[in-house]
N, C-alpha and C. Protein backbone atom coordinates (compact mmCIF):
# COMPACT_ATOMS: atom_id res chain seq x y z
N MET A 1 15.87 -0.22 2.06
CA MET A 1 16.38 -0.31 3.41
C MET A 1 16.92 -1.71 3.64
N ASP A 2 18.05 -1.78 4.32
CA ASP A 2 18.61 -3.08 4.67
C ASP A 2 18.64 -3.20 6.20
N LYS A 3 19.17 -4.32 6.69
CA LYS A 3 19.18 -4.56 8.14
C LYS A 3 19.94 -3.48 8.90
N LYS A 4 21.03 -3.01 8.32
CA LYS A 4 21.84 -1.99 8.99
C LYS A 4 21.08 -0.67 9.10
N GLU A 5 20.40 -0.29 8.02
CA GLU A 5 19.61 0.95 8.04
C GLU A 5 18.42 0.82 9.00
N PHE A 6 17.81 -0.36 9.04
CA PHE A 6 16.71 -0.62 9.97
C PHE A 6 17.19 -0.43 11.41
N ALA A 7 18.33 -1.02 11.72
CA ALA A 7 18.90 -0.90 13.07
C ALA A 7 19.23 0.55 13.40
N ALA A 8 19.74 1.28 12.42
CA ALA A 8 20.07 2.69 12.64
C ALA A 8 18.81 3.51 12.92
N ARG A 9 17.75 3.26 12.17
CA ARG A 9 16.50 4.00 12.38
C ARG A 9 15.93 3.72 13.76
N LEU A 10 15.96 2.45 14.18
CA LEU A 10 15.45 2.10 15.50
C LEU A 10 16.34 2.66 16.60
N SER A 11 17.64 2.72 16.34
CA SER A 11 18.56 3.33 17.31
C SER A 11 18.17 4.78 17.57
N ASP A 12 17.81 5.49 16.50
CA ASP A 12 17.42 6.89 16.62
C ASP A 12 16.12 7.07 17.42
N GLU A 13 15.28 6.06 17.44
CA GLU A 13 13.98 6.15 18.11
C GLU A 13 13.97 5.52 19.50
N LEU A 14 15.05 4.89 19.89
CA LEU A 14 15.10 4.11 21.13
C LEU A 14 14.65 4.91 22.36
N LYS A 15 15.21 6.09 22.55
CA LYS A 15 14.88 6.87 23.74
C LYS A 15 13.41 7.30 23.73
N LEU A 16 12.90 7.67 22.57
CA LEU A 16 11.50 8.06 22.47
C LEU A 16 10.56 6.89 22.79
N ILE A 17 10.93 5.71 22.33
CA ILE A 17 10.12 4.52 22.62
C ILE A 17 10.14 4.23 24.12
N ARG A 18 11.32 4.31 24.69
CA ARG A 18 11.45 4.07 26.14
C ARG A 18 10.60 5.07 26.92
N THR A 19 10.65 6.34 26.51
CA THR A 19 9.87 7.39 27.16
C THR A 19 8.37 7.17 26.96
N GLU A 20 7.99 6.78 25.76
CA GLU A 20 6.58 6.51 25.46
C GLU A 20 6.00 5.45 26.41
N TYR A 21 6.79 4.45 26.73
CA TYR A 21 6.35 3.38 27.62
C TYR A 21 6.60 3.68 29.10
N GLY A 22 7.22 4.83 29.39
CA GLY A 22 7.47 5.22 30.77
C GLY A 22 8.48 4.33 31.48
N LEU A 23 9.46 3.85 30.74
CA LEU A 23 10.46 2.94 31.30
C LEU A 23 11.74 3.68 31.68
N THR A 24 12.38 3.21 32.73
CA THR A 24 13.70 3.73 33.08
C THR A 24 14.73 3.08 32.15
N GLN A 25 15.93 3.62 32.17
CA GLN A 25 16.99 3.00 31.37
C GLN A 25 17.27 1.59 31.86
N GLU A 26 17.23 1.37 33.15
CA GLU A 26 17.46 0.03 33.71
C GLU A 26 16.40 -0.96 33.22
N GLU A 27 15.15 -0.52 33.25
CA GLU A 27 14.05 -1.40 32.82
C GLU A 27 14.15 -1.72 31.33
N MET A 28 14.42 -0.70 30.52
CA MET A 28 14.53 -0.91 29.07
C MET A 28 15.71 -1.82 28.75
N ALA A 29 16.82 -1.61 29.42
CA ALA A 29 17.99 -2.46 29.20
C ALA A 29 17.66 -3.92 29.51
N ALA A 30 16.96 -4.14 30.62
CA ALA A 30 16.59 -5.50 31.00
C ALA A 30 15.64 -6.13 29.97
N ILE A 31 14.69 -5.34 29.48
CA ILE A 31 13.74 -5.84 28.49
C ILE A 31 14.45 -6.26 27.21
N LEU A 32 15.42 -5.45 26.78
CA LEU A 32 16.14 -5.74 25.53
C LEU A 32 17.30 -6.72 25.72
N GLY A 33 17.63 -7.01 26.98
CA GLY A 33 18.72 -7.94 27.23
C GLY A 33 20.10 -7.36 26.99
N VAL A 34 20.23 -6.04 27.24
CA VAL A 34 21.53 -5.38 27.11
C VAL A 34 21.86 -4.72 28.45
N SER A 35 23.08 -4.30 28.61
CA SER A 35 23.47 -3.61 29.84
C SER A 35 22.94 -2.17 29.78
N LYS A 36 22.84 -1.55 30.95
CA LYS A 36 22.42 -0.16 31.01
C LYS A 36 23.44 0.70 30.26
N LYS A 37 24.71 0.39 30.40
CA LYS A 37 25.75 1.15 29.71
C LYS A 37 25.55 1.09 28.19
N THR A 38 25.23 -0.08 27.68
CA THR A 38 24.98 -0.24 26.25
C THR A 38 23.78 0.58 25.82
N LEU A 39 22.73 0.56 26.62
CA LEU A 39 21.53 1.35 26.31
C LEU A 39 21.85 2.84 26.29
N VAL A 40 22.57 3.32 27.30
CA VAL A 40 22.94 4.73 27.38
C VAL A 40 23.79 5.13 26.17
N GLU A 41 24.75 4.29 25.82
CA GLU A 41 25.61 4.57 24.65
C GLU A 41 24.77 4.68 23.37
N THR A 42 23.76 3.84 23.25
CA THR A 42 22.89 3.87 22.08
C THR A 42 22.03 5.13 22.09
N GLU A 43 21.45 5.45 23.22
CA GLU A 43 20.61 6.65 23.31
C GLU A 43 21.40 7.92 23.04
N LYS A 44 22.69 7.92 23.35
CA LYS A 44 23.53 9.10 23.10
C LYS A 44 24.18 9.06 21.71
N ASN A 45 23.75 8.12 20.88
CA ASN A 45 24.26 7.97 19.51
C ASN A 45 25.75 7.69 19.44
N ARG A 46 26.28 7.02 20.45
CA ARG A 46 27.69 6.61 20.44
C ARG A 46 27.84 5.21 19.87
N ARG A 47 26.73 4.51 19.74
CA ARG A 47 26.71 3.18 19.11
C ARG A 47 25.33 2.99 18.51
N ARG A 48 25.23 2.02 17.64
CA ARG A 48 23.95 1.67 17.01
C ARG A 48 23.51 0.31 17.52
N LEU A 49 22.19 0.11 17.50
CA LEU A 49 21.67 -1.22 17.82
C LEU A 49 22.17 -2.21 16.78
N SER A 50 22.40 -3.43 17.21
CA SER A 50 22.72 -4.50 16.25
C SER A 50 21.42 -4.95 15.59
N TRP A 51 21.53 -5.77 14.56
CA TRP A 51 20.34 -6.32 13.91
C TRP A 51 19.48 -7.06 14.93
N THR A 52 20.09 -7.88 15.77
CA THR A 52 19.31 -8.67 16.74
C THR A 52 18.65 -7.77 17.78
N GLU A 53 19.36 -6.76 18.23
CA GLU A 53 18.78 -5.83 19.20
C GLU A 53 17.61 -5.06 18.58
N SER A 54 17.78 -4.62 17.35
CA SER A 54 16.70 -3.88 16.69
C SER A 54 15.51 -4.79 16.40
N ALA A 55 15.78 -6.05 16.07
CA ALA A 55 14.69 -7.01 15.85
C ALA A 55 13.91 -7.22 17.14
N ALA A 56 14.62 -7.33 18.26
CA ALA A 56 13.95 -7.49 19.55
C ALA A 56 13.12 -6.25 19.87
N LEU A 57 13.68 -5.08 19.66
CA LEU A 57 12.96 -3.83 19.92
C LEU A 57 11.69 -3.76 19.07
N ALA A 58 11.80 -4.07 17.79
CA ALA A 58 10.64 -4.01 16.89
C ALA A 58 9.56 -5.02 17.30
N ALA A 59 9.98 -6.21 17.69
CA ALA A 59 9.01 -7.24 18.07
C ALA A 59 8.34 -6.92 19.41
N ILE A 60 9.13 -6.53 20.39
CA ILE A 60 8.60 -6.28 21.74
C ILE A 60 7.72 -5.03 21.78
N PHE A 61 8.15 -4.00 21.05
CA PHE A 61 7.44 -2.72 21.08
C PHE A 61 6.67 -2.45 19.78
N ALA A 62 6.13 -3.50 19.18
CA ALA A 62 5.42 -3.38 17.91
C ALA A 62 4.22 -2.43 17.99
N GLN A 63 3.64 -2.26 19.17
CA GLN A 63 2.47 -1.39 19.32
C GLN A 63 2.85 0.07 19.59
N SER A 64 4.13 0.36 19.64
CA SER A 64 4.60 1.72 19.89
C SER A 64 4.19 2.66 18.74
N ARG A 65 3.55 3.76 19.10
CA ARG A 65 3.18 4.77 18.09
C ARG A 65 4.44 5.41 17.51
N VAL A 66 5.43 5.64 18.34
CA VAL A 66 6.69 6.21 17.87
C VAL A 66 7.30 5.30 16.81
N LEU A 67 7.36 4.02 17.09
CA LEU A 67 7.94 3.05 16.17
C LEU A 67 7.10 2.92 14.90
N GLN A 68 5.80 2.86 15.05
CA GLN A 68 4.93 2.75 13.87
C GLN A 68 5.04 3.97 12.97
N ASN A 69 5.15 5.15 13.57
CA ASN A 69 5.30 6.37 12.76
C ASN A 69 6.67 6.43 12.09
N ALA A 70 7.68 5.93 12.75
CA ALA A 70 9.03 5.95 12.17
C ALA A 70 9.16 4.98 11.00
N LEU A 71 8.39 3.88 11.05
CA LEU A 71 8.52 2.83 10.04
C LEU A 71 7.36 2.75 9.06
N GLY A 72 6.29 3.46 9.34
CA GLY A 72 5.15 3.44 8.43
C GLY A 72 4.20 2.29 8.68
N GLY A 73 3.93 2.00 9.92
CA GLY A 73 2.98 0.94 10.24
C GLY A 73 3.60 -0.12 11.12
N ASP A 74 3.05 -1.31 11.02
CA ASP A 74 3.46 -2.43 11.84
C ASP A 74 4.94 -2.73 11.65
N PRO A 75 5.76 -2.55 12.69
CA PRO A 75 7.20 -2.78 12.53
C PRO A 75 7.54 -4.24 12.24
N THR A 76 6.67 -5.15 12.64
CA THR A 76 6.96 -6.57 12.39
C THR A 76 6.87 -6.90 10.91
N ASP A 77 6.11 -6.10 10.16
CA ASP A 77 6.02 -6.31 8.72
C ASP A 77 7.37 -6.03 8.05
N MET A 78 7.96 -4.90 8.42
CA MET A 78 9.27 -4.56 7.86
C MET A 78 10.33 -5.54 8.37
N LEU A 79 10.22 -5.91 9.62
CA LEU A 79 11.14 -6.88 10.22
C LEU A 79 11.11 -8.19 9.42
N ALA A 80 9.92 -8.65 9.10
CA ALA A 80 9.79 -9.89 8.32
C ALA A 80 10.35 -9.72 6.91
N ALA A 81 10.10 -8.56 6.30
CA ALA A 81 10.63 -8.33 4.95
C ALA A 81 12.15 -8.42 4.92
N LEU A 82 12.79 -7.90 5.96
CA LEU A 82 14.24 -7.95 6.04
C LEU A 82 14.74 -9.35 6.42
N ALA A 83 14.08 -9.95 7.39
CA ALA A 83 14.54 -11.25 7.90
C ALA A 83 14.36 -12.36 6.89
N PHE A 84 13.27 -12.32 6.13
CA PHE A 84 12.96 -13.40 5.20
C PHE A 84 13.34 -13.09 3.76
N ALA A 85 14.22 -12.14 3.55
CA ALA A 85 14.64 -11.80 2.19
C ALA A 85 15.15 -13.06 1.50
N GLY A 86 14.51 -13.42 0.39
CA GLY A 86 14.91 -14.60 -0.36
C GLY A 86 14.31 -15.91 0.11
N ALA A 87 13.56 -15.89 1.21
CA ALA A 87 12.94 -17.11 1.74
C ALA A 87 11.57 -16.76 2.31
N PRO A 88 10.57 -16.53 1.45
CA PRO A 88 9.28 -16.01 1.92
C PRO A 88 8.51 -16.99 2.81
N PRO A 89 8.01 -16.50 3.95
CA PRO A 89 7.18 -17.33 4.82
C PRO A 89 5.71 -17.24 4.44
N HIS A 90 4.84 -17.98 5.11
CA HIS A 90 3.40 -17.87 4.92
C HIS A 90 2.88 -16.85 5.93
N TYR A 91 2.36 -15.73 5.45
CA TYR A 91 1.90 -14.65 6.31
C TYR A 91 0.40 -14.76 6.57
N PRO A 92 -0.07 -14.28 7.72
CA PRO A 92 -1.52 -14.21 7.97
C PRO A 92 -2.14 -13.04 7.21
N ALA A 93 -3.47 -12.96 7.20
CA ALA A 93 -4.18 -11.89 6.49
C ALA A 93 -3.85 -10.52 7.10
N THR A 94 -3.84 -9.50 6.24
CA THR A 94 -3.63 -8.11 6.65
C THR A 94 -4.97 -7.39 6.60
N LEU A 95 -4.98 -6.13 6.89
CA LEU A 95 -6.20 -5.32 6.76
C LEU A 95 -6.36 -4.78 5.35
N GLY A 96 -5.47 -5.15 4.45
CA GLY A 96 -5.59 -4.74 3.05
C GLY A 96 -4.94 -3.42 2.70
N GLY A 97 -4.19 -2.84 3.63
CA GLY A 97 -3.44 -1.63 3.31
C GLY A 97 -4.23 -0.35 3.42
N LYS A 98 -5.14 -0.26 4.36
CA LYS A 98 -5.95 0.94 4.52
C LYS A 98 -5.12 2.13 5.03
N VAL A 99 -4.07 1.86 5.75
CA VAL A 99 -3.20 2.90 6.29
C VAL A 99 -1.76 2.54 5.91
N TRP A 100 -0.97 3.50 5.58
CA TRP A 100 0.47 3.37 5.32
C TRP A 100 0.83 2.77 3.97
N TRP A 101 -0.12 2.34 3.17
CA TRP A 101 0.19 1.63 1.92
C TRP A 101 -0.47 2.32 0.73
N ARG A 102 0.23 2.29 -0.40
CA ARG A 102 -0.37 2.73 -1.65
C ARG A 102 -0.39 1.53 -2.59
N GLN A 103 -1.45 1.44 -3.35
CA GLN A 103 -1.58 0.34 -4.30
C GLN A 103 -0.73 0.63 -5.53
N VAL A 104 0.10 -0.33 -5.89
CA VAL A 104 0.98 -0.17 -7.05
C VAL A 104 0.41 -0.91 -8.25
N LEU A 105 -0.12 -2.11 -8.01
CA LEU A 105 -0.60 -2.94 -9.12
C LEU A 105 -1.63 -3.94 -8.61
N GLN A 106 -2.68 -4.15 -9.41
CA GLN A 106 -3.62 -5.25 -9.18
C GLN A 106 -3.60 -6.12 -10.42
N PHE A 107 -3.50 -7.43 -10.20
CA PHE A 107 -3.40 -8.35 -11.33
C PHE A 107 -3.94 -9.71 -10.92
N GLN A 108 -4.97 -10.16 -11.61
CA GLN A 108 -5.54 -11.48 -11.41
C GLN A 108 -5.79 -11.82 -9.94
N GLY A 109 -6.36 -10.88 -9.20
CA GLY A 109 -6.69 -11.13 -7.80
C GLY A 109 -5.55 -10.85 -6.83
N TYR A 110 -4.41 -10.47 -7.33
CA TYR A 110 -3.26 -10.15 -6.48
C TYR A 110 -3.07 -8.64 -6.46
N THR A 111 -2.52 -8.13 -5.37
CA THR A 111 -2.26 -6.70 -5.22
C THR A 111 -0.83 -6.50 -4.75
N ILE A 112 -0.14 -5.59 -5.42
CA ILE A 112 1.18 -5.16 -4.95
C ILE A 112 0.98 -3.79 -4.33
N GLN A 113 1.47 -3.63 -3.08
CA GLN A 113 1.39 -2.36 -2.38
C GLN A 113 2.79 -1.94 -1.95
N GLN A 114 2.95 -0.63 -1.79
CA GLN A 114 4.21 -0.09 -1.30
C GLN A 114 3.96 0.73 -0.05
N ASN A 115 4.79 0.53 0.96
CA ASN A 115 4.67 1.27 2.21
C ASN A 115 5.07 2.72 1.97
N LEU A 116 4.28 3.64 2.47
CA LEU A 116 4.52 5.06 2.22
C LEU A 116 5.77 5.60 2.89
N ILE A 117 6.19 5.00 3.99
CA ILE A 117 7.36 5.51 4.70
C ILE A 117 8.60 4.70 4.39
N SER A 118 8.55 3.39 4.60
CA SER A 118 9.75 2.58 4.41
C SER A 118 10.03 2.29 2.94
N GLN A 119 8.99 2.40 2.10
CA GLN A 119 9.08 2.14 0.66
C GLN A 119 9.20 0.67 0.30
N HIS A 120 9.06 -0.26 1.26
CA HIS A 120 9.12 -1.67 0.89
C HIS A 120 7.78 -2.11 0.30
N PHE A 121 7.82 -3.20 -0.44
CA PHE A 121 6.66 -3.70 -1.16
C PHE A 121 6.14 -4.97 -0.51
N ARG A 122 4.85 -5.24 -0.74
CA ARG A 122 4.29 -6.52 -0.34
C ARG A 122 3.29 -6.95 -1.39
N LEU A 123 3.14 -8.27 -1.51
CA LEU A 123 2.20 -8.88 -2.43
C LEU A 123 1.10 -9.52 -1.61
N LEU A 124 -0.16 -9.14 -1.89
CA LEU A 124 -1.31 -9.69 -1.19
C LEU A 124 -2.15 -10.52 -2.15
N ASN A 125 -2.78 -11.58 -1.63
CA ASN A 125 -3.73 -12.33 -2.44
C ASN A 125 -5.11 -11.71 -2.28
N SER A 126 -6.15 -12.31 -2.86
CA SER A 126 -7.49 -11.74 -2.82
C SER A 126 -8.09 -11.71 -1.42
N GLU A 127 -7.54 -12.48 -0.48
CA GLU A 127 -8.00 -12.45 0.91
C GLU A 127 -7.13 -11.54 1.79
N ASN A 128 -6.31 -10.71 1.14
CA ASN A 128 -5.39 -9.79 1.82
C ASN A 128 -4.34 -10.50 2.67
N GLN A 129 -4.00 -11.71 2.31
CA GLN A 129 -2.89 -12.40 2.96
C GLN A 129 -1.61 -11.99 2.26
N ARG A 130 -0.62 -11.65 3.04
CA ARG A 130 0.68 -11.28 2.50
C ARG A 130 1.37 -12.54 2.01
N LEU A 131 1.77 -12.54 0.78
CA LEU A 131 2.46 -13.68 0.20
C LEU A 131 3.96 -13.46 0.14
N TYR A 132 4.36 -12.21 0.04
CA TYR A 132 5.78 -11.92 -0.16
C TYR A 132 6.03 -10.46 0.19
N SER A 133 7.17 -10.16 0.76
CA SER A 133 7.58 -8.78 1.06
C SER A 133 9.01 -8.60 0.60
N SER A 134 9.33 -7.42 0.07
CA SER A 134 10.69 -7.15 -0.37
C SER A 134 10.86 -5.64 -0.55
N PHE A 135 12.08 -5.19 -0.48
CA PHE A 135 12.38 -3.80 -0.79
C PHE A 135 12.62 -3.63 -2.29
N ARG A 136 12.64 -4.72 -3.01
CA ARG A 136 12.88 -4.66 -4.46
C ARG A 136 11.59 -4.98 -5.22
N TYR A 137 11.12 -4.02 -5.99
CA TYR A 137 9.90 -4.20 -6.78
C TYR A 137 10.05 -5.37 -7.75
N ASP A 138 11.23 -5.49 -8.35
CA ASP A 138 11.47 -6.58 -9.30
C ASP A 138 11.29 -7.96 -8.65
N ASP A 139 11.68 -8.08 -7.39
CA ASP A 139 11.49 -9.35 -6.67
C ASP A 139 10.01 -9.67 -6.52
N ILE A 140 9.22 -8.66 -6.17
CA ILE A 140 7.78 -8.85 -6.00
C ILE A 140 7.14 -9.26 -7.33
N VAL A 141 7.48 -8.55 -8.40
CA VAL A 141 6.93 -8.86 -9.71
C VAL A 141 7.36 -10.26 -10.15
N GLY A 142 8.61 -10.62 -9.88
CA GLY A 142 9.09 -11.96 -10.21
C GLY A 142 8.31 -13.04 -9.48
N TYR A 143 8.02 -12.80 -8.21
CA TYR A 143 7.24 -13.76 -7.43
C TYR A 143 5.81 -13.84 -7.97
N LEU A 144 5.22 -12.69 -8.30
CA LEU A 144 3.88 -12.66 -8.88
C LEU A 144 3.86 -13.38 -10.23
N THR A 145 4.88 -13.17 -11.04
CA THR A 145 4.97 -13.83 -12.34
C THR A 145 5.01 -15.35 -12.18
N THR A 146 5.75 -15.81 -11.18
CA THR A 146 5.81 -17.25 -10.90
C THR A 146 4.43 -17.78 -10.51
N LEU A 147 3.71 -17.02 -9.68
CA LEU A 147 2.38 -17.45 -9.24
C LEU A 147 1.37 -17.50 -10.39
N THR A 148 1.51 -16.61 -11.34
CA THR A 148 0.54 -16.51 -12.42
C THR A 148 1.08 -17.03 -13.75
N ALA A 149 2.14 -17.82 -13.72
CA ALA A 149 2.83 -18.26 -14.94
C ALA A 149 1.92 -19.01 -15.91
N ASN A 150 0.97 -19.75 -15.40
CA ASN A 150 0.12 -20.53 -16.29
C ASN A 150 -1.06 -19.73 -16.83
N LYS A 151 -1.15 -18.46 -16.50
CA LYS A 151 -2.23 -17.61 -17.00
C LYS A 151 -1.73 -16.79 -18.17
N LYS A 152 -2.60 -16.38 -19.06
CA LYS A 152 -2.22 -15.78 -20.33
C LYS A 152 -1.83 -14.30 -20.25
N GLU A 153 -2.41 -13.55 -19.33
CA GLU A 153 -2.18 -12.10 -19.30
C GLU A 153 -0.73 -11.75 -18.95
N GLU A 154 -0.30 -10.62 -19.48
CA GLU A 154 1.02 -10.08 -19.16
C GLU A 154 0.89 -9.13 -17.98
N ILE A 155 1.90 -9.07 -17.15
CA ILE A 155 1.89 -8.14 -16.00
C ILE A 155 2.38 -6.79 -16.48
C-alpha cells in the first residue's frame, strides 16, 4: 500500500466514520479543515482524500472501530509506516501484536510481524518497541541485518 491507496481506503470509509461519531457533514468538514462541499464530494466518491486529509483523518479518528477494522488495527501505525518510509523514527512500545499481527520471524530478540489486513511489516525489539515499519519485507530484513551485523547467525 502506498499513500495514494491509503487515502483511497480512507475516502471509502469517511462517511461511516462520520456516522460512527454522530457528526454532521458540517462538523466533520470543520474537524478535517475542508469545506462541506469537499466533504460531500468525497462521501459521494466524486473525489478522493488527499494524503494530508487522510493523514488528518487517521490521526484524529485513530480510535474509530470503522477505521481500525478497515486498516487492521491502529491507523497511526500504518500512517507512520507510510510517512516515514526510508527515514525510521523511534517508536514507543507496542502490545506485541496480540491482535491484527502475525509473527513472520524471530531472530536474536527481534520480531518481524505482518499486519493481517494492510500487509505491512514491523520490526519489534525484545521490549516490543517498534524499530521500523515498511510495506517491503526486504526493507525490514535489511534493517534487521544492519542491527545484527556484528552477530554470527544468518537470518
